[in-house]
Protein backbone atom coordinates (compact mmCIF):
# COMPACT_ATOMS: atom_id res chain seq x y z
CA MET A 1 0.10 -0.15 0.12
CA LYS A 2 2.78 2.47 0.53
CA LYS A 3 3.83 1.88 -3.10
CA PHE A 4 0.75 4.78 -3.49
CA LEU A 5 2.03 7.28 -0.85
CA VAL A 6 5.89 6.92 -2.58
CA MET A 7 4.66 7.57 -6.06
CA ALA A 8 2.85 10.80 -5.14
CA SER A 9 5.26 12.33 -3.02
CA GLY A 10 8.19 11.39 -4.89
CA LEU A 11 7.12 11.63 -8.96
CA ILE A 12 10.30 10.69 -10.76
CA CYS A 13 11.42 13.77 -12.63
CA LEU A 14 10.86 13.91 -16.17
CA PHE A 15 14.23 14.77 -18.04
CA LEU A 16 15.21 13.43 -21.62
CA ASN A 17 18.10 11.42 -22.24
CA THR A 18 17.71 12.39 -26.09
CA GLN A 19 20.32 9.08 -27.04
CA ALA A 20 17.98 6.91 -25.63
CA GLN A 21 14.96 8.01 -27.18
CA LYS A 22 16.21 7.76 -30.75
CA LYS A 23 16.88 4.15 -30.40
CA ASN A 24 13.50 3.91 -29.88
CA ILE A 25 10.18 3.15 -32.16
CA ASP A 26 8.00 5.09 -30.51
CA LYS A 27 4.70 3.82 -29.79
CA VAL A 28 1.52 3.51 -27.19
CA VAL A 29 2.61 1.46 -24.31
CA ALA A 30 -0.64 1.71 -21.89
CA VAL A 31 -4.06 3.72 -22.52
CA LEU A 32 -6.15 5.22 -19.23
CA GLY A 33 -9.11 6.56 -20.14
CA ASN A 34 -8.87 9.32 -22.61
CA ASN A 35 -4.93 9.36 -21.60
CA ILE A 36 -2.02 7.71 -23.13
CA ILE A 37 1.77 6.78 -22.06
CA LEU A 38 4.01 6.30 -25.30
CA LEU A 39 7.38 4.50 -25.05
CA SER A 40 9.10 7.67 -25.20
CA ASP A 41 7.94 8.61 -21.89
CA LEU A 42 8.39 5.58 -20.16
CA ASN A 43 12.01 5.69 -21.61
CA GLN A 44 12.31 9.15 -20.58
CA GLN A 45 12.13 8.39 -17.11
CA TYR A 46 14.10 5.19 -17.17
CA ALA A 47 16.77 7.31 -18.53
CA GLN A 48 16.64 9.69 -15.41
CA PHE A 49 17.08 6.76 -13.16
CA LEU A 50 20.24 5.78 -15.03
CA ASN A 51 21.17 9.15 -15.01
CA GLN A 52 20.96 9.12 -11.31
CA GLY A 53 23.78 6.91 -11.25
CA ASN A 54 21.61 3.65 -10.80
CA PRO A 55 22.81 0.24 -12.44
CA ASP A 56 20.66 -0.91 -16.30
CA ASP A 57 17.43 -2.78 -14.30
CA PRO A 58 14.90 -3.27 -17.08
CA LYS A 59 12.40 -4.59 -14.21
CA ILE A 60 12.49 -0.92 -12.93
CA LYS A 61 10.54 0.07 -16.19
CA CYS A 62 7.46 -2.34 -14.51
CA MET A 63 7.44 0.01 -11.35
CA ILE A 64 7.98 3.32 -13.12
CA LEU A 65 5.11 2.54 -15.56
CA GLN A 66 2.53 1.80 -12.54
CA GLN A 67 3.34 5.21 -11.22
CA MET A 68 2.68 6.69 -14.78
CA LEU A 69 -0.91 5.35 -14.51
CA ALA A 70 -1.22 6.11 -11.18
CA GLN A 71 -0.80 9.45 -12.54
CA LYS A 72 -2.91 9.41 -15.13
CA LEU A 73 -5.81 7.85 -12.91
CA LEU A 74 -5.53 11.53 -10.76
CA LYS A 75 -5.03 13.78 -13.67
CA GLN A 76 -8.18 11.98 -15.08
CA GLN A 77 -9.92 12.90 -11.65
CA ALA A 78 -8.36 16.06 -11.58
CA GLU A 79 -10.08 17.18 -14.45
CA ILE A 80 -13.51 16.09 -13.39
CA ASP A 81 -13.06 17.86 -10.34
CA SER A 82 -11.80 20.68 -11.27
CA VAL A 83 -8.27 21.00 -9.83
CA MET A 84 -5.73 23.24 -11.18
CA VAL A 85 -2.30 24.44 -10.69
CA ASP A 86 -1.03 28.48 -11.53
CA ASP A 87 1.12 28.64 -14.08
CA SER A 88 3.25 30.58 -11.71
CA GLN A 89 3.59 27.26 -9.57
CA VAL A 90 4.41 25.73 -12.78
CA ASP A 91 6.91 28.27 -13.66
CA GLU A 92 8.31 28.03 -10.35
CA GLU A 93 8.79 24.17 -10.47
CA VAL A 94 10.44 23.57 -14.37
CA GLU A 95 12.92 27.23 -12.77
CA LYS A 96 13.61 24.96 -9.93
CA ARG A 97 14.80 21.40 -11.46
CA MET A 98 16.43 23.43 -14.29
CA ARG A 99 18.50 24.40 -11.64
CA TYR A 100 19.34 21.21 -10.02
CA GLN A 101 19.95 19.74 -13.49
CA ILE A 102 22.46 22.53 -14.65
CA GLN A 103 24.08 22.58 -11.27
CA LYS A 104 24.20 18.36 -11.47
CA ALA A 105 25.40 19.03 -15.38
CA GLY A 106 28.56 21.62 -14.23
CA GLY A 107 26.95 24.49 -16.19
CA GLN A 108 24.37 25.54 -18.31
CA GLU A 109 26.87 24.86 -21.77
CA ARG A 110 27.62 21.43 -20.29
CA LEU A 111 23.82 20.13 -19.77
CA GLU A 112 22.55 21.54 -23.10
CA GLN A 113 25.68 19.67 -24.91
CA PHE A 114 24.23 16.72 -23.09
CA LEU A 115 20.66 17.57 -24.16
CA ASN A 116 21.67 18.52 -27.82
CA ARG A 117 19.01 21.38 -27.44
CA SER A 118 19.17 25.21 -25.71
CA VAL A 119 17.89 25.76 -21.73
CA LEU A 120 14.77 26.97 -23.18
CA GLN A 121 13.93 24.63 -25.64
CA TYR A 122 14.02 22.14 -23.09
CA LYS A 123 11.56 24.25 -20.72
CA ASP A 124 9.20 24.20 -23.23
CA GLU A 125 9.16 20.73 -23.31
CA ILE A 126 9.22 19.37 -19.41
CA ARG A 127 7.03 22.22 -18.44
CA PRO A 128 3.48 19.68 -19.59
CA ASP A 129 4.62 16.63 -17.95
CA ILE A 130 5.93 19.03 -14.82
CA LYS A 131 2.32 19.86 -14.78
CA GLU A 132 0.36 16.92 -14.90
CA GLN A 133 2.68 16.09 -11.83
CA LEU A 134 1.78 19.07 -9.74
CA ILE A 135 -2.26 18.54 -10.67
CA SER A 136 -2.03 14.85 -9.95
CA ASN A 137 -0.07 15.51 -6.69
CA LYS A 138 -2.70 18.05 -5.49
CA MET A 139 -5.73 15.59 -6.64
CA GLN A 140 -4.10 13.09 -3.68
CA GLN A 141 -4.29 15.90 -1.54
CA LYS A 142 -7.34 16.85 -1.93
CA ILE A 143 -8.38 13.00 -1.56
CA THR A 144 -6.69 12.47 1.41
CA GLN A 145 -7.16 15.53 3.29
CA ASP A 146 -10.16 14.64 5.23
CA VAL A 147 -8.54 11.49 6.27
CA SER A 148 -8.31 11.88 10.42
CA ILE A 149 -6.85 9.86 13.09
CA THR A 150 -8.68 9.36 16.45
CA PRO A 151 -6.70 8.38 19.85
CA LEU A 152 -8.46 5.18 19.65
CA GLU A 153 -7.40 4.09 16.56
CA VAL A 154 -3.70 5.32 17.64
CA LYS A 155 -4.25 2.82 20.64
CA LYS A 156 -5.45 -0.17 18.08
CA TYR A 157 -2.23 0.42 15.76
CA PHE A 158 -0.42 0.63 18.59
CA GLU A 159 -1.45 -3.11 20.13
CA SER A 160 -1.42 -4.23 16.52
CA TYR A 161 2.63 -4.71 16.91
CA LYS A 162 3.79 -7.42 18.83
CA LYS A 163 5.77 -7.04 21.68
CA ASP A 164 9.02 -8.24 19.99
CA SER A 165 8.53 -6.16 17.05
CA LEU A 166 8.15 -2.84 18.16
CA PRO A 167 10.24 -0.39 17.29
CA ASP A 168 13.53 0.39 19.01
CA ILE A 169 13.87 4.36 19.42
CA PRO A 170 17.40 6.08 19.69
CA THR A 171 18.21 8.78 22.03
CA GLU A 172 16.15 11.54 21.73
CA PHE A 173 17.22 15.58 22.56
CA GLU A 174 14.95 18.28 22.98
CA ILE A 175 17.34 21.80 22.09
CA GLY A 176 16.71 25.80 22.70
CA GLU A 177 19.26 27.63 20.90
CA ILE A 178 20.01 31.53 20.88
CA VAL A 179 21.84 32.57 18.12
CA MET A 180 23.31 35.59 17.17
CA TYR A 181 25.82 36.96 13.93
CA PRO A 182 28.41 39.74 14.38
CA LYS A 183 26.87 42.88 13.46
CA LEU A 184 29.34 45.24 11.03
CA THR A 185 29.94 48.96 11.40
CA LYS A 186 29.31 51.69 8.34
CA ALA A 187 33.08 51.77 8.22
CA GLU A 188 33.36 47.84 8.50
CA LYS A 189 31.24 47.46 5.49
CA GLN A 190 32.21 50.01 3.42
CA LYS A 191 35.36 48.14 1.52
CA PHE A 192 32.73 45.27 0.54
CA TYR A 193 30.43 48.07 -0.67
CA ASP A 194 33.27 49.45 -2.68
CA LYS A 195 34.30 46.13 -3.93
CA ILE A 196 30.22 45.63 -5.63
CA ASP A 197 30.58 49.09 -6.77
CA ALA A 198 33.45 48.63 -8.49
CA ILE A 199 32.01 45.44 -10.07
CA ARG A 200 28.66 47.36 -11.11
CA LEU A 201 30.66 49.79 -13.20
CA ARG A 202 32.72 47.19 -14.82
CA VAL A 203 29.03 46.21 -15.84
CA LYS A 204 27.97 50.08 -17.05
CA SER A 205 31.39 50.09 -19.14
CA GLY A 206 30.02 47.34 -21.25
CA GLU A 207 32.24 44.19 -20.03
CA ASP A 208 29.37 40.70 -19.41
CA PHE A 209 27.41 40.98 -16.07
CA ALA A 210 27.02 36.66 -16.35
CA PHE A 211 30.89 36.48 -16.69
CA LEU A 212 31.71 38.78 -14.23
CA ALA A 213 29.06 36.93 -11.35
CA LYS A 214 30.63 34.10 -12.49
CA SER A 215 33.91 35.02 -11.12
CA TYR A 216 32.97 37.57 -8.57
CA SER A 217 29.03 36.43 -6.85
CA GLU A 218 29.35 34.50 -3.51
CA ASP A 219 25.97 33.11 -4.26
CA PRO A 220 27.03 29.50 -4.48
CA GLY A 221 23.49 28.53 -5.85
CA SER A 222 23.49 31.05 -8.62
CA ALA A 223 27.32 32.26 -9.21
CA ALA A 224 27.89 29.19 -12.28
CA GLU A 225 25.02 29.55 -13.61
CA GLY A 226 26.04 33.55 -14.48
CA GLY A 227 24.08 34.90 -11.24
CA ASP A 228 20.71 33.39 -13.04
CA LEU A 229 18.45 33.17 -10.37
CA GLY A 230 15.42 32.16 -13.13
CA PHE A 231 11.73 33.00 -12.68
CA PHE A 232 10.48 33.76 -9.79
CA ASP A 233 7.40 35.85 -8.13
CA ARG A 234 7.35 38.38 -5.67
CA HIS A 235 7.25 36.25 -2.30
CA ALA A 236 10.19 33.79 -3.30
CA MET A 237 12.72 36.46 -2.28
CA VAL A 238 13.61 38.75 0.53
CA LYS A 239 11.63 42.05 0.09
CA GLU A 240 14.84 44.26 -0.92
CA PHE A 241 15.48 42.02 -3.76
CA THR A 242 11.73 42.03 -4.68
CA ALA A 243 11.76 45.55 -4.64
CA GLN A 244 14.60 46.13 -6.83
CA ALA A 245 13.40 42.88 -9.46
CA PHE A 246 10.27 44.30 -10.12
CA LYS A 247 10.72 47.67 -10.59
CA LEU A 248 13.43 46.82 -13.36
CA LYS A 249 12.31 46.78 -17.19
CA PRO A 250 14.55 43.90 -18.97
CA GLY A 251 18.28 44.87 -19.36
CA GLU A 252 17.92 47.31 -16.30
CA MET A 253 20.41 47.09 -13.92
CA SER A 254 20.01 48.39 -10.14
CA PRO A 255 21.91 50.17 -7.75
CA VAL A 256 24.12 48.28 -5.27
CA PHE A 257 21.73 47.42 -2.57
CA GLU A 258 21.91 45.02 0.87
CA THR A 259 19.92 42.68 2.38
CA GLU A 260 20.37 40.25 4.81
CA HIS A 261 22.97 38.28 2.82
CA GLY A 262 25.09 40.98 2.15
CA PHE A 263 25.52 43.13 -1.04
CA HIS A 264 23.89 42.64 -4.26
CA ILE A 265 23.37 44.40 -7.64
CA LEU A 266 20.63 42.86 -10.01
CA GLN A 267 19.91 42.78 -13.56
CA VAL A 268 16.42 41.88 -14.98
CA ILE A 269 16.49 39.92 -17.74
CA GLU A 270 12.99 39.27 -18.59
CA ARG A 271 9.03 39.82 -17.21
CA ARG A 272 6.19 37.57 -17.50
CA GLY A 273 3.34 38.67 -16.10
CA GLU A 274 3.62 38.65 -12.08
CA GLN A 275 7.24 36.45 -12.68
CA VAL A 276 10.57 38.23 -13.41
CA GLN A 277 13.63 36.38 -14.38
CA ALA A 278 16.84 38.00 -13.02
CA ARG A 279 20.33 37.23 -12.43
CA HIS A 280 22.48 38.82 -9.63
CA ILE A 281 25.94 39.28 -7.99
CA LEU A 282 26.81 38.65 -4.04
CA VAL A 283 29.29 40.24 -1.97
CA ARG A 284 29.29 39.06 1.71
CA PRO A 285 30.70 41.12 4.31
CA GLN A 286 33.17 39.04 6.32
CA THR A 287 33.06 38.78 10.09
CA THR A 288 36.12 40.86 11.55
CA PRO A 289 37.48 40.29 14.84
CA ALA A 290 35.92 43.24 16.46
CA SER A 291 32.81 42.41 15.74
CA LEU A 292 33.26 38.82 16.73
CA ASP A 293 34.04 40.50 19.84
CA ARG A 294 31.17 42.71 20.30
CA ILE A 295 28.58 40.12 19.46
CA LYS A 296 30.44 37.75 21.93
CA LEU A 297 30.35 40.09 25.04
CA LYS A 298 26.37 40.52 24.39
CA ALA A 299 26.23 36.58 24.34
CA ASP A 300 27.85 36.19 27.36
CA THR A 301 25.48 39.39 29.17
CA ILE A 302 22.60 37.33 27.56
CA TYR A 303 23.77 34.22 29.31
CA LYS A 304 24.71 35.22 32.62
CA ASN A 305 20.87 37.29 32.60
CA ILE A 306 19.51 33.59 31.94
CA PHE A 307 21.44 31.72 34.40
CA ASP A 308 20.50 34.29 37.25
CA LYS A 309 16.90 33.28 36.24
CA LYS A 310 16.55 37.20 35.35
CA LEU A 311 15.44 36.32 32.06
CA PRO A 312 13.67 33.34 30.67
CA PHE A 313 15.48 31.42 27.94
CA SER A 314 12.17 31.52 25.19
CA THR A 315 11.78 35.39 26.28
CA ALA A 316 15.65 35.91 25.14
CA ALA A 317 15.10 33.48 21.99
CA SER A 318 12.42 36.08 21.00
CA GLU A 319 14.12 39.46 21.53
CA TYR A 320 17.84 38.34 20.63
CA SER A 321 18.13 35.08 18.18
CA ASP A 322 19.24 35.49 14.78
CA ASN A 323 17.29 32.03 14.07
CA LYS A 324 14.05 33.36 12.36
CA GLU A 325 13.04 29.39 12.45
CA SER A 326 13.06 29.07 16.04
CA GLN A 327 13.30 32.59 17.39
CA TYR A 328 9.61 32.14 18.08
CA ASN A 329 9.40 28.87 19.14
CA GLY A 330 10.62 29.64 22.36
CA GLY A 331 14.24 29.06 20.15
CA MET A 332 12.92 25.23 20.25
CA LEU A 333 14.63 23.47 17.34
CA LEU A 334 12.49 21.44 15.11
CA TYR A 335 12.99 18.28 13.16
CA ALA A 336 10.77 16.67 10.31
CA ASP A 337 11.56 13.31 10.02
CA ASN A 338 9.39 13.03 6.73
CA VAL A 339 6.94 15.54 4.95
CA THR A 340 4.17 15.88 7.15
CA ALA A 341 5.65 15.46 10.80
CA ARG A 342 7.76 18.35 13.14
CA THR A 343 8.58 17.48 16.42
CA THR A 344 11.00 19.17 19.15
CA PHE A 345 12.20 15.67 19.60
CA ILE A 346 15.70 15.03 17.42
CA PRO A 347 17.18 11.93 17.42
CA ALA A 348 21.19 11.68 18.46
CA ASP A 349 22.39 10.83 15.50
CA LYS A 350 20.33 13.90 13.50
CA LEU A 351 22.25 16.41 15.51
CA ASP A 352 24.86 18.92 14.21
CA PRO A 353 27.68 16.81 15.27
CA LYS A 354 28.87 20.11 17.43
CA VAL A 355 25.85 20.34 19.15
CA PHE A 356 25.74 16.63 19.99
CA LEU A 357 29.48 17.03 21.37
CA ILE A 358 27.63 20.18 23.81
CA VAL A 359 24.37 18.70 24.90
CA ASP A 360 25.60 15.10 25.28
CA THR A 361 27.85 16.48 28.69
CA MET A 362 24.72 18.74 30.01
CA LYS A 363 22.56 18.22 32.59
CA VAL A 364 18.82 19.20 31.65
CA GLY A 365 17.64 21.96 32.01
CA GLU A 366 21.15 23.46 31.87
CA ILE A 367 22.14 26.22 29.57
CA SER A 368 25.58 25.83 27.90
CA LYS A 369 27.81 29.33 27.46
CA PRO A 370 28.08 31.04 24.21
CA VAL A 371 29.62 28.77 21.90
CA LEU A 372 31.42 30.05 18.69
CA PHE A 373 30.23 28.57 15.63
CA THR A 374 30.64 28.58 11.92
CA ASP A 375 27.23 27.68 9.58
CA GLN A 376 26.86 26.23 6.23
CA SER A 377 27.11 29.44 4.75
CA GLY A 378 30.91 30.20 6.18
CA LYS A 379 29.35 32.98 8.75
CA ASP A 380 30.46 33.11 12.02
CA GLY A 381 28.65 33.56 15.55
CA TYR A 382 27.56 32.36 19.08
CA LYS A 383 24.94 29.94 20.33
CA ILE A 384 23.38 29.75 23.59
CA LEU A 385 22.30 25.68 24.30
CA TYR A 386 19.26 24.99 26.52
CA LEU A 387 18.62 21.33 26.73
CA LYS A 388 15.24 20.94 27.86
CA ALA A 389 14.78 17.35 27.44
CA LYS A 390 16.77 14.10 26.81
CA ILE A 391 14.86 10.86 26.22
CA PRO A 392 17.22 7.28 26.45
CA PRO A 393 17.13 4.64 23.87
CA HIS A 394 13.85 2.46 24.44
CA LYS A 395 11.36 0.42 22.95
CA GLY A 396 8.72 2.36 21.30
CA ASN A 397 5.36 2.99 23.82
CA LEU A 398 2.36 4.82 23.60
CA GLU A 399 3.17 7.01 26.84
CA GLN A 400 6.65 8.43 25.43
CA ASP A 401 6.09 8.38 22.02
CA TYR A 402 2.52 9.05 21.21
CA ALA A 403 3.13 11.00 18.47
CA LYS A 404 5.18 8.82 16.63
CA PHE A 405 2.49 6.57 16.89
CA LYS A 406 -0.17 8.55 15.91
CA GLU A 407 1.71 9.93 12.85
CA ARG A 408 2.37 6.03 11.81
CA ALA A 409 -1.08 5.67 12.30
CA GLN A 410 -1.85 8.19 10.50
CA GLU A 411 0.01 7.59 7.45
CA ASP A 412 -1.17 3.44 7.58
CA LYS A 413 -4.96 4.81 7.33
CA THR A 414 -4.18 7.11 4.25
CA ASN A 415 -2.14 4.63 2.45
CA LYS A 416 -5.56 1.94 2.73
CA TYR A 417 -7.81 4.74 1.93
CA LEU A 418 -5.71 5.84 -1.02
CA SER A 419 -5.28 2.53 -1.94
CA ASP A 420 -9.34 1.86 -1.52
CA TRP A 421 -9.52 4.99 -3.96
CA PHE A 422 -7.55 3.79 -6.42
CA GLU A 423 -8.84 0.31 -6.62
CA LYS A 424 -12.16 1.67 -7.17
CA ARG A 425 -11.05 3.94 -10.14
CA ARG A 426 -9.69 0.98 -12.05
CA ASN A 427 -12.23 -1.06 -11.89
CA ASN A 428 -14.16 2.12 -13.39
CA THR A 429 -11.88 2.93 -16.08
CA TYR A 430 -10.82 2.03 -19.60
CA ILE A 431 -7.01 0.60 -19.34
CA ARG A 432 -4.93 -1.23 -21.54
CA ILE A 433 -1.68 -2.01 -21.35
CA ASP A 434 0.71 -3.20 -24.31
CA GLU A 435 1.67 -7.14 -23.86
CA ASP A 436 5.29 -6.67 -23.84
CA TYR A 437 4.73 -5.93 -20.39
CA ASP A 438 2.43 -8.90 -19.09
CA GLN A 439 5.15 -10.04 -16.42
CA CYS A 440 5.41 -6.96 -14.43
CA ASP A 441 4.04 -8.33 -11.13
CA GLU A 442 3.36 -3.69 -10.54
CA LEU A 443 1.02 -3.85 -13.26
CA LYS A 444 -1.25 -7.21 -12.30
CA ILE A 445 -3.59 -4.80 -10.24
CA TRP A 446 -4.31 -2.51 -13.43
CA THR A 447 -4.37 -5.54 -16.31
CA GLN A 448 -7.07 -7.33 -13.93
CA ALA A 449 -8.78 -3.90 -13.61
CA SER A 450 -8.35 -4.09 -17.62
CA LYS A 451 -10.16 -7.75 -17.97
CA LYS A 452 -12.96 -6.62 -15.39
C-alpha cells in the first residue's frame, strides 16, 4: 500500500535522454481513459533513473509504468473535479528543476551539450509533464485531506504490534538555541560595498554581467549560472531584493543594495506577468575580529541573565536570536522526520555533531556558555544552547512516543484510503497495457482491472 504514497510524494522527474529516445520507435504502451503513455515517455523516466547513477535494470520500467498510470488516473480525476495549479507554480517548479540539472551537469553549457538543445527549448518540453505531476499531487492531497485519526485508532494501531516487533527509539534530545551573528559597523562594511560597486561600474562600461557573476559572486546557488536565478514571484525573495527586481525593466541594472545576505546588484532579464527572471552578483561582508568580540560580549551578558534567572530562555530567544525558524518557537529546534511531521524531539544521529558534543555532556535544564560556530554559508557567530529534555533509547511505547505512533497510524490509514480509491477508479476506467509488460507483477492490479 505504501507504493501509492511513494508515488505521489516523489514522482520521478521527467528529464530526457535524447540518445535513448532516438534508438526506440515510439508506440503506445498504455491507455487509461482518454490518456495515453508512449514508449518515449517511459524511456524518458527510465533514462532519468540511470542518470541518477543507478545500474541498468529493465525491470524498473514496470515500477515506473505503474507510477505513470497512477499519475494519469489522478490527472483524470483532477479534470473532473476542476483541480488546477497556477502557471506561476509550474514555472517555479520548472526553474527549480532546471537549476538542479544545471548544477548537476556542471553548468548550463554542459547541460545543453548533453541535451543537444537549448535550456529554453528543454523548459518548453518538460513543462507539460511537470504541470501534470503538480496537478496529480494536488489531487491526491484533496483525496486524503479529510482522513483523520482518533486516539482510539492510535491505540489499536499500537496494539497491532507484537511486543518483539515494537520499534527501537534512539536517544532523543529537545534543544533550544539562541543564535547571534556579528553586526558590522558602516565603516567595516564599506570595503565590501566598494568591491561590488566597482563590479557594477564594470558592467556599466560594457563588461558581461554573467561573466562577472561567475568570477565574483559569492552566491553558491547561482554564481556558476552567471548569477541567473530563473523566474520568481514577489514572495520568493527577501523584500529588498523583490523591490529592486520588480521595478526594473528587462536589461536594466539596479544600484548596489543590501539584504540580510550581503550586498547585491541585479539585472532583470525578462518579465512574464507577475514573475521576473533576474541575475545577480552577491558580495558577503566578512566578519571582523572586532565584530566577533562585540557579539561575544553581548552573548555573555544574555547568558548571565538567563543563568541568574533574570530572563527566561524563550524570551531571550524571541528578542535576541537570529534564527528565524526557532526565534518565535521559544528557541526550540524542530525536526522533520518526513514530509508531514515536525517535532522538537531530535534523534541523536540527526543532530549537528558539534551540537551533540556539547549537549551530550549537559544536564537537563542546563544552558551552555556562548559557543563560537560557523554556519553552512561560512558565517561566524555565537550560540547559547539549552537542553530541555533528553530521552534515553527505549522500545516504542504510547506514553513516551504517542506522537510517533499517531503519525504512523495516520500514514497507514491514509495509504489504505488511497489504495481503496485507486481500486475503485481502476475498476471503472478503461485500461489497456501493451502485452510486452504482461510479466510485470506491479501492473497485474491494472491489467486485472482492465479485464473486468
